[in-house]
Amino acid sequence: MGRIASKIRVTDTDGTVVDHFARPLDGYEAADNEIGDTSYYGYLDKDGNWYIMKRTSTAVTYAKGITAYSTNWTNRASLSYDYFDQVF
């Protein structure tokens, strides 16, 4: 099941309060990639949370976790992947 995006309250230059929805992948940086018929892209945030994007000729799917990025990157082909709205 997906999660609701968090809101950040921002004030513009006129002092008007604006609700800004944070994107679920903000804060992640590229860590690894493997390019081929099935390509994998690994991302980490500063706290060790991670996600791996799997791209084939027909779909883009994701797996995510909160620990053990290196182990999961090594085992990326056997992880359970799903669509963005189901993972995030």
N, C-alpha and C. Protein backbone atom coordinates (compact mmCIF):
# COMPACT_ATOMS: atom_id res chain seq x y z
N MET A 1 0.82 -1.16 0.00
CA MET A 1 0.00 0.00 0.00
C MET A 1 0.87 1.23 0.00
N GLY A 2 0.52 2.28 -0.73
CA GLY A 2 1.30 3.50 -0.81
C GLY A 2 1.19 4.32 0.46
N ARG A 3 2.01 5.35 0.57
CA ARG A 3 1.93 6.21 1.73
C ARG A 3 1.58 7.62 1.29
N ILE A 4 1.06 8.41 2.18
CA ILE A 4 0.67 9.78 1.87
C ILE A 4 1.91 10.65 1.92
N ALA A 5 2.05 11.54 0.95
CA ALA A 5 3.18 12.45 0.93
C ALA A 5 3.09 13.41 2.11
N SER A 6 4.21 13.72 2.72
CA SER A 6 4.20 14.65 3.84
C SER A 6 4.16 16.09 3.33
N LYS A 7 3.57 16.96 4.14
CA LYS A 7 3.47 18.36 3.77
C LYS A 7 4.49 19.16 4.56
N ILE A 8 5.05 20.14 3.91
CA ILE A 8 5.96 21.09 4.54
C ILE A 8 5.33 22.47 4.38
N ARG A 9 5.23 23.21 5.46
CA ARG A 9 4.65 24.55 5.39
C ARG A 9 5.77 25.52 5.00
N VAL A 10 5.55 26.26 3.92
CA VAL A 10 6.54 27.19 3.38
C VAL A 10 5.90 28.57 3.31
N THR A 11 6.68 29.60 3.59
CA THR A 11 6.21 30.97 3.46
C THR A 11 6.89 31.60 2.27
N ASP A 12 6.09 32.19 1.36
CA ASP A 12 6.69 32.83 0.19
C ASP A 12 7.19 34.22 0.56
N THR A 13 7.76 34.96 -0.39
CA THR A 13 8.38 36.25 -0.11
C THR A 13 7.38 37.31 0.36
N ASP A 14 6.10 37.11 0.09
CA ASP A 14 5.06 38.04 0.55
C ASP A 14 4.55 37.68 1.94
N GLY A 15 5.05 36.59 2.53
CA GLY A 15 4.59 36.15 3.83
C GLY A 15 3.40 35.22 3.78
N THR A 16 2.96 34.86 2.57
CA THR A 16 1.84 33.95 2.41
C THR A 16 2.31 32.53 2.68
N VAL A 17 1.55 31.83 3.53
CA VAL A 17 1.88 30.45 3.86
C VAL A 17 1.38 29.55 2.73
N VAL A 18 2.26 28.69 2.24
CA VAL A 18 1.94 27.78 1.14
C VAL A 18 2.27 26.36 1.60
N ASP A 19 1.36 25.43 1.37
CA ASP A 19 1.66 24.03 1.67
C ASP A 19 2.43 23.45 0.50
N HIS A 20 3.55 22.83 0.79
CA HIS A 20 4.38 22.20 -0.23
C HIS A 20 4.45 20.72 0.09
N PHE A 21 4.13 19.89 -0.87
CA PHE A 21 4.20 18.45 -0.65
C PHE A 21 5.60 17.97 -0.96
N ALA A 22 6.24 17.35 0.03
CA ALA A 22 7.58 16.79 -0.18
C ALA A 22 7.46 15.56 -1.05
N ARG A 23 8.37 15.41 -1.97
CA ARG A 23 8.38 14.23 -2.83
C ARG A 23 9.00 13.07 -2.06
N PRO A 24 8.47 11.86 -2.22
CA PRO A 24 8.94 10.74 -1.40
C PRO A 24 10.41 10.36 -1.63
N LEU A 25 11.00 10.79 -2.73
CA LEU A 25 12.39 10.41 -3.00
C LEU A 25 13.37 11.54 -2.72
N ASP A 26 12.89 12.66 -2.19
CA ASP A 26 13.79 13.75 -1.81
C ASP A 26 14.79 13.23 -0.79
N GLY A 27 16.03 13.63 -0.91
CA GLY A 27 17.05 13.25 0.06
C GLY A 27 17.87 12.03 -0.31
N TYR A 28 17.46 11.31 -1.35
CA TYR A 28 18.23 10.14 -1.78
C TYR A 28 19.26 10.56 -2.83
N GLU A 29 20.39 9.89 -2.82
CA GLU A 29 21.46 10.12 -3.79
C GLU A 29 21.83 8.80 -4.47
N ALA A 30 22.26 8.88 -5.72
CA ALA A 30 22.67 7.69 -6.46
C ALA A 30 23.84 7.01 -5.77
N ALA A 31 23.79 5.68 -5.70
CA ALA A 31 24.85 4.90 -5.05
C ALA A 31 25.48 3.90 -6.00
N ASP A 32 24.67 3.20 -6.79
CA ASP A 32 25.17 2.16 -7.69
C ASP A 32 24.27 2.08 -8.92
N ASN A 33 24.80 1.46 -9.97
CA ASN A 33 23.96 1.12 -11.11
C ASN A 33 24.55 -0.05 -11.86
N GLU A 34 23.68 -0.76 -12.53
CA GLU A 34 24.05 -1.85 -13.43
C GLU A 34 23.15 -1.72 -14.65
N ILE A 35 23.75 -1.50 -15.79
CA ILE A 35 22.99 -1.26 -17.02
C ILE A 35 23.03 -2.51 -17.89
N GLY A 36 21.88 -2.92 -18.39
CA GLY A 36 21.77 -4.09 -19.26
C GLY A 36 20.35 -4.24 -19.74
N ASP A 37 19.97 -5.44 -20.18
CA ASP A 37 18.58 -5.68 -20.59
C ASP A 37 17.64 -5.38 -19.42
N THR A 38 18.06 -5.76 -18.22
CA THR A 38 17.41 -5.33 -17.00
C THR A 38 18.41 -4.45 -16.28
N SER A 39 18.05 -3.19 -16.05
CA SER A 39 18.96 -2.25 -15.40
C SER A 39 18.50 -2.00 -13.98
N TYR A 40 19.46 -1.81 -13.09
CA TYR A 40 19.19 -1.53 -11.68
C TYR A 40 19.91 -0.25 -11.29
N TYR A 41 19.25 0.57 -10.48
CA TYR A 41 19.81 1.82 -9.99
C TYR A 41 19.58 1.87 -8.49
N GLY A 42 20.66 1.99 -7.71
CA GLY A 42 20.56 2.00 -6.25
C GLY A 42 20.71 3.40 -5.71
N TYR A 43 19.90 3.74 -4.69
CA TYR A 43 19.90 5.06 -4.08
C TYR A 43 19.89 4.93 -2.56
N LEU A 44 20.61 5.84 -1.90
CA LEU A 44 20.69 5.88 -0.43
C LEU A 44 20.39 7.28 0.07
N ASP A 45 19.84 7.38 1.29
CA ASP A 45 19.74 8.68 1.93
C ASP A 45 20.74 8.74 3.08
N LYS A 46 20.82 9.86 3.75
CA LYS A 46 21.84 10.06 4.79
C LYS A 46 21.67 9.16 6.00
N ASP A 47 20.48 8.58 6.18
CA ASP A 47 20.21 7.71 7.31
C ASP A 47 20.34 6.22 6.99
N GLY A 48 20.74 5.90 5.75
CA GLY A 48 20.89 4.50 5.37
C GLY A 48 19.65 3.88 4.76
N ASN A 49 18.55 4.66 4.65
CA ASN A 49 17.38 4.16 3.92
C ASN A 49 17.77 4.03 2.46
N TRP A 50 17.18 3.09 1.78
CA TRP A 50 17.58 2.86 0.39
C TRP A 50 16.37 2.47 -0.45
N TYR A 51 16.56 2.61 -1.75
CA TYR A 51 15.64 1.99 -2.71
C TYR A 51 16.43 1.61 -3.94
N ILE A 52 15.94 0.61 -4.63
CA ILE A 52 16.55 0.16 -5.88
C ILE A 52 15.46 0.20 -6.94
N MET A 53 15.77 0.86 -8.03
CA MET A 53 14.85 0.93 -9.16
C MET A 53 15.29 -0.11 -10.20
N LYS A 54 14.35 -0.89 -10.66
CA LYS A 54 14.59 -1.91 -11.68
C LYS A 54 13.87 -1.48 -12.95
N ARG A 55 14.62 -1.39 -14.04
CA ARG A 55 14.04 -0.95 -15.32
C ARG A 55 14.22 -2.05 -16.35
N THR A 56 13.11 -2.47 -16.95
CA THR A 56 13.14 -3.42 -18.07
C THR A 56 12.56 -2.71 -19.29
N SER A 57 12.43 -3.43 -20.38
CA SER A 57 11.86 -2.81 -21.58
C SER A 57 10.36 -2.54 -21.43
N THR A 58 9.73 -3.11 -20.41
CA THR A 58 8.29 -2.96 -20.25
C THR A 58 7.84 -2.30 -18.95
N ALA A 59 8.72 -2.15 -17.95
CA ALA A 59 8.27 -1.62 -16.66
C ALA A 59 9.41 -1.01 -15.87
N VAL A 60 9.05 -0.12 -14.98
CA VAL A 60 9.96 0.43 -13.96
C VAL A 60 9.33 0.10 -12.62
N THR A 61 10.07 -0.63 -11.77
CA THR A 61 9.56 -1.05 -10.47
C THR A 61 10.62 -0.76 -9.40
N TYR A 62 10.20 -0.88 -8.14
CA TYR A 62 11.04 -0.46 -7.03
C TYR A 62 11.01 -1.46 -5.88
N ALA A 63 12.12 -1.48 -5.14
CA ALA A 63 12.21 -2.17 -3.85
C ALA A 63 12.83 -1.17 -2.90
N LYS A 64 12.49 -1.24 -1.61
CA LYS A 64 13.08 -0.29 -0.66
C LYS A 64 13.30 -0.95 0.69
N GLY A 65 14.15 -0.31 1.48
CA GLY A 65 14.42 -0.81 2.81
C GLY A 65 15.05 0.26 3.68
N ILE A 66 15.33 -0.10 4.94
CA ILE A 66 15.89 0.87 5.88
C ILE A 66 17.26 0.48 6.40
N THR A 67 17.73 -0.73 6.07
CA THR A 67 19.06 -1.17 6.50
C THR A 67 19.64 -2.10 5.43
N ALA A 68 20.91 -2.40 5.58
CA ALA A 68 21.60 -3.42 4.78
C ALA A 68 21.56 -3.17 3.28
N TYR A 69 21.85 -1.92 2.90
CA TYR A 69 21.85 -1.60 1.47
C TYR A 69 22.81 -2.50 0.69
N SER A 70 24.04 -2.65 1.17
CA SER A 70 25.05 -3.42 0.43
C SER A 70 24.59 -4.85 0.16
N THR A 71 24.01 -5.49 1.16
CA THR A 71 23.51 -6.85 1.00
C THR A 71 22.38 -6.88 -0.03
N ASN A 72 21.47 -5.92 0.07
CA ASN A 72 20.35 -5.88 -0.86
C ASN A 72 20.79 -5.53 -2.27
N TRP A 73 21.80 -4.67 -2.40
CA TRP A 73 22.32 -4.39 -3.74
C TRP A 73 22.91 -5.65 -4.34
N THR A 74 23.67 -6.40 -3.57
CA THR A 74 24.26 -7.64 -4.05
C THR A 74 23.18 -8.62 -4.48
N ASN A 75 22.06 -8.66 -3.76
CA ASN A 75 20.97 -9.59 -4.04
C ASN A 75 19.83 -8.94 -4.82
N ARG A 76 20.10 -7.86 -5.52
CA ARG A 76 19.06 -7.06 -6.18
C ARG A 76 18.18 -7.86 -7.14
N ALA A 77 18.73 -8.83 -7.81
CA ALA A 77 17.94 -9.60 -8.78
C ALA A 77 16.86 -10.44 -8.11
N SER A 78 17.03 -10.76 -6.83
CA SER A 78 16.06 -11.61 -6.15
C SER A 78 15.11 -10.84 -5.22
N LEU A 79 15.21 -9.51 -5.19
CA LEU A 79 14.31 -8.72 -4.34
C LEU A 79 12.91 -8.71 -4.93
N SER A 80 11.94 -8.37 -4.10
CA SER A 80 10.55 -8.20 -4.55
C SER A 80 10.35 -6.75 -4.97
N TYR A 81 9.96 -6.54 -6.20
CA TYR A 81 9.76 -5.20 -6.77
C TYR A 81 8.28 -4.98 -7.03
N ASP A 82 7.88 -3.70 -6.95
CA ASP A 82 6.50 -3.35 -7.27
C ASP A 82 6.51 -1.92 -7.84
N TYR A 83 5.33 -1.48 -8.27
CA TYR A 83 5.22 -0.15 -8.87
C TYR A 83 5.34 0.94 -7.81
N PHE A 84 5.74 2.13 -8.25
CA PHE A 84 6.02 3.28 -7.39
C PHE A 84 4.91 3.52 -6.36
N ASP A 85 3.66 3.53 -6.80
CA ASP A 85 2.57 3.84 -5.88
C ASP A 85 2.37 2.77 -4.81
N GLN A 86 2.88 1.59 -5.02
CA GLN A 86 2.77 0.53 -4.04
C GLN A 86 3.96 0.51 -3.07
N VAL A 87 5.10 1.01 -3.51
CA VAL A 87 6.31 0.97 -2.68
C VAL A 87 6.47 2.26 -1.86
N PHE A 88 6.10 3.38 -2.45
CA PHE A 88 6.28 4.67 -1.77
C PHE A 88 4.94 5.24 -1.36
